[in-house]
C-alpha atoms as a PDB file:
ATOM      1  CA  MET A   1      41.360   7.188  12.120  1.00  0.00           C
ATOM      2  CA  ASN A   2      41.848   4.615   9.372  1.00  0.00           C
ATOM      3  CA  THR A   3      38.776   3.394   7.748  1.00  0.00           C
ATOM      4  CA  LYS A   4      38.833   0.301   5.384  1.00  0.00           C
ATOM      5  CA  PRO A   5      37.409   1.036   1.793  1.00  0.00           C
ATOM      6  CA  ARG A   6      34.114  -0.592   1.264  1.00  0.00           C
ATOM      7  CA  LYS A   7      34.069  -3.714  -0.824  1.00  0.00           C
ATOM      8  CA  ARG A   8      31.976  -3.450  -4.123  1.00  0.00           C
ATOM      9  CA  TYR A   9      30.125  -6.494  -5.369  1.00  0.00           C
ATOM     10  CA  THR A  10      29.187  -6.679  -9.059  1.00  0.00           C
ATOM     11  CA  PRO A  11      25.297  -7.351  -9.863  1.00  0.00           C
ATOM     12  CA  GLU A  12      26.337 -10.618 -11.408  1.00  0.00           C
ATOM     13  CA  PHE A  13      27.984 -11.712  -8.025  1.00  0.00           C
ATOM     14  CA  LYS A  14      24.955 -10.756  -6.095  1.00  0.00           C
ATOM     15  CA  ALA A  15      22.503 -12.565  -8.442  1.00  0.00           C
ATOM     16  CA  GLN A  16      24.639 -15.781  -8.232  1.00  0.00           C
ATOM     17  CA  ALA A  17      24.553 -15.487  -4.452  1.00  0.00           C
ATOM     18  CA  VAL A  18      20.912 -15.121  -4.483  1.00  0.00           C
ATOM     19  CA  ASP A  19      20.426 -18.055  -6.647  1.00  0.00           C
ATOM     20  CA  LEU A  20      22.432 -20.110  -4.160  1.00  0.00           C
ATOM     21  CA  ILE A  21      19.826 -19.150  -1.496  1.00  0.00           C
ATOM     22  CA  ASN A  22      17.294 -20.681  -3.743  1.00  0.00           C
ATOM     23  CA  THR A  23      19.163 -23.996  -3.708  1.00  0.00           C
ATOM     24  CA  GLY A  24      18.005 -24.655  -0.292  1.00  0.00           C
ATOM     25  CA  LYS A  25      21.223 -24.143   1.492  1.00  0.00           C
ATOM     26  CA  PRO A  26      21.241 -22.231   4.762  1.00  0.00           C
ATOM     27  CA  VAL A  27      22.117 -18.495   4.196  1.00  0.00           C
ATOM     28  CA  SER A  28      24.762 -18.626   7.098  1.00  0.00           C
ATOM     29  CA  GLN A  29      26.480 -21.389   5.247  1.00  0.00           C
ATOM     30  CA  ILE A  30      26.413 -19.708   1.881  1.00  0.00           C
ATOM     31  CA  ALA A  31      27.609 -16.259   3.583  1.00  0.00           C
ATOM     32  CA  GLU A  32      30.408 -18.085   5.284  1.00  0.00           C
ATOM     33  CA  GLU A  33      31.407 -19.646   1.914  1.00  0.00           C
ATOM     34  CA  LEU A  34      31.289 -16.165   0.154  1.00  0.00           C
ATOM     35  CA  CYS A  35      33.069 -14.448   3.063  1.00  0.00           C
ATOM     36  CA  ILE A  36      30.056 -12.051   3.288  1.00  0.00           C
ATOM     37  CA  GLY A  37      27.742 -11.218   6.147  1.00  0.00           C
ATOM     38  CA  SER A  38      24.436 -13.216   6.278  1.00  0.00           C
ATOM     39  CA  SER A  39      22.674  -9.776   6.861  1.00  0.00           C
ATOM     40  CA  LEU A  40      24.082  -8.388   3.439  1.00  0.00           C
ATOM     41  CA  LEU A  41      23.017 -11.618   1.768  1.00  0.00           C
ATOM     42  CA  TYR A  42      19.570 -11.314   3.131  1.00  0.00           C
ATOM     43  CA  LYS A  43      19.455  -7.731   1.805  1.00  0.00           C
ATOM     44  CA  TRP A  44      20.467  -8.862  -1.704  1.00  0.00           C
ATOM     45  CA  LYS A  45      17.602 -11.283  -1.677  1.00  0.00           C
ATOM     46  CA  LEU A  46      15.146  -8.753  -0.659  1.00  0.00           C
ATOM     47  CA  ASP A  47      16.364  -6.143  -3.173  1.00  0.00           C
ATOM     48  CA  SER A  48      16.216  -8.993  -5.889  1.00  0.00           C
ATOM     49  CA  GLN A  49      12.539  -9.794  -5.109  1.00  0.00           C
ATOM     50  CA  GLY A  50      11.630  -6.008  -4.932  1.00  0.00           C
ATOM     51  CA  ALA A  51      13.002  -5.695  -8.400  1.00  0.00           C
ATOM     52  CA  GLN A  52      10.657  -8.435  -9.657  1.00  0.00           C
ATOM     53  CA  VAL A  53       7.580  -7.607  -7.588  1.00  0.00           C
ATOM     54  CA  GLY A  54       8.010  -4.447  -5.935  1.00  0.00           C
ATOM     55  CA  SER A  55       5.981  -1.140  -6.298  1.00  0.00           C
ATOM     56  CA  GLU A  56       8.226  -0.036  -9.323  1.00  0.00           C
ATOM     57  CA  GLY A  57       7.005  -3.283 -11.208  1.00  0.00           C
ATOM     58  CA  LEU A  58       5.913  -3.353 -14.805  1.00  0.00           C
ATOM     59  CA  ARG A  59       2.999  -0.610 -15.222  1.00  0.00           C
ATOM     60  CA  ALA A  60       2.340   2.116 -17.844  1.00  0.00           C
ATOM     61  CA  VAL A  61       4.150   5.415 -17.506  1.00  0.00           C
ATOM     62  CA  GLY A  62       2.936   7.525 -14.842  1.00  0.00           C
ATOM     63  CA  GLU A  63       0.755   4.983 -13.238  1.00  0.00           C
ATOM     64  CA  LYS A  64       0.668   4.556  -9.401  1.00  0.00           C
ATOM     65  CA  SER A  65       0.559   1.170  -7.609  1.00  0.00           C
ATOM     66  CA  GLU A  66      -2.431   0.839  -4.975  1.00  0.00           C
ATOM     67  CA  ALA A  67       0.006   0.761  -1.957  1.00  0.00           C
ATOM     68  CA  ASP A  68       1.919   4.014  -3.314  1.00  0.00           C
ATOM     69  CA  GLU A  69      -1.554   5.774  -3.723  1.00  0.00           C
ATOM     70  CA  LEU A  70      -2.949   4.648  -0.274  1.00  0.00           C
ATOM     71  CA  ARG A  71       0.429   5.878   1.441  1.00  0.00           C
ATOM     72  CA  THR A  72      -0.090   9.381  -0.492  1.00  0.00           C
ATOM     73  CA  LEU A  73      -3.644   9.473   0.714  1.00  0.00           C
ATOM     74  CA  ARG A  74      -2.846   8.629   4.151  1.00  0.00           C
ATOM     75  CA  ARG A  75      -0.235  11.278   4.334  1.00  0.00           C
ATOM     76  CA  GLU A  76      -2.568  13.918   2.954  1.00  0.00           C
ATOM     77  CA  ASN A  77      -5.311  12.748   5.336  1.00  0.00           C
ATOM     78  CA  SER A  78      -3.023  13.348   8.272  1.00  0.00           C
ATOM     79  CA  LEU A  79      -2.115  16.662   7.186  1.00  0.00           C
ATOM     80  CA  LEU A  80      -5.613  17.702   6.682  1.00  0.00           C
ATOM     81  CA  LYS A  81      -6.249  16.427  10.354  1.00  0.00           C
ATOM     82  CA  GLN A  82      -3.490  18.883  11.611  1.00  0.00           C
ATOM     83  CA  GLU A  83      -4.749  21.668   9.690  1.00  0.00           C
ATOM     84  CA  ASN A  84      -8.339  21.033  11.059  1.00  0.00           C
ATOM     85  CA  ASP A  85      -7.033  20.919  14.710  1.00  0.00           C
ATOM     86  CA  ILE A  86      -4.972  24.249  14.153  1.00  0.00           C
ATOM     87  CA  LEU A  87      -8.166  25.988  12.858  1.00  0.00           C
ATOM     88  CA  LYS A  88     -10.231  24.844  15.801  1.00  0.00           C
ATOM     89  CA  LYS A  89      -7.582  26.024  18.219  1.00  0.00           C
ATOM     90  CA  ALA A  90      -7.690  29.247  16.266  1.00  0.00           C
ATOM     91  CA  ALA A  91     -11.189  29.590  16.474  1.00  0.00           C
ATOM     92  CA  VAL A  92     -11.071  29.105  20.389  1.00  0.00           C
ATOM     93  CA  ILE A  93      -8.643  31.838  20.569  1.00  0.00           C
ATOM     94  CA  LEU A  94     -10.607  34.310  18.515  1.00  0.00           C
ATOM     95  CA  GLY A  95     -13.636  33.855  20.733  1.00  0.00           C
ATOM     96  CA  THR A  96     -15.654  32.345  17.835  1.00  0.00           C
ATOM     97  CA  ARG A  97     -17.187  28.663  18.289  1.00  0.00           C
ATOM     98  CA  PRO A  98     -16.593  26.209  15.480  1.00  0.00           C
ATOM     99  CA  GLN A  99     -19.629  25.202  13.823  1.00  0.00           C
ATOM    100  CA  LEU A 100     -20.871  21.686  14.073  1.00  0.00           C
ATOM    101  CA  ASN A 101     -21.951  19.690  11.285  1.00  0.00           C
ATOM    102  CA  SER A 102     -25.753  19.200  11.555  1.00  0.00           C
ATOM    103  CA  GLY A 103     -25.919  16.072   9.580  1.00  0.00           C
ATOM    104  CA  LYS A 104     -28.727  17.485   7.487  1.00  0.00           C
END
């Protein structure tokens, strides 16, 4: 099984290719001229935008973005719901009734 070695592109080449997109030329035409796939060019464009505006943008050390914090809280909420369901099932198996919040 012969595999072709992957082509490596320099960051300068990628930046120049992304700059060509900003000139208004169609991505497919630019990709054809550079002999690369248009999907690769789109990926480079997204990567360059992510470096400028992404969740790892300019912030104080240790400070999380709101999106990262929301993602973490949703993950924690999901885990707590799973644990609560397990405890409810264990209470039924052991013959005790789970206490309902009376709202008082």
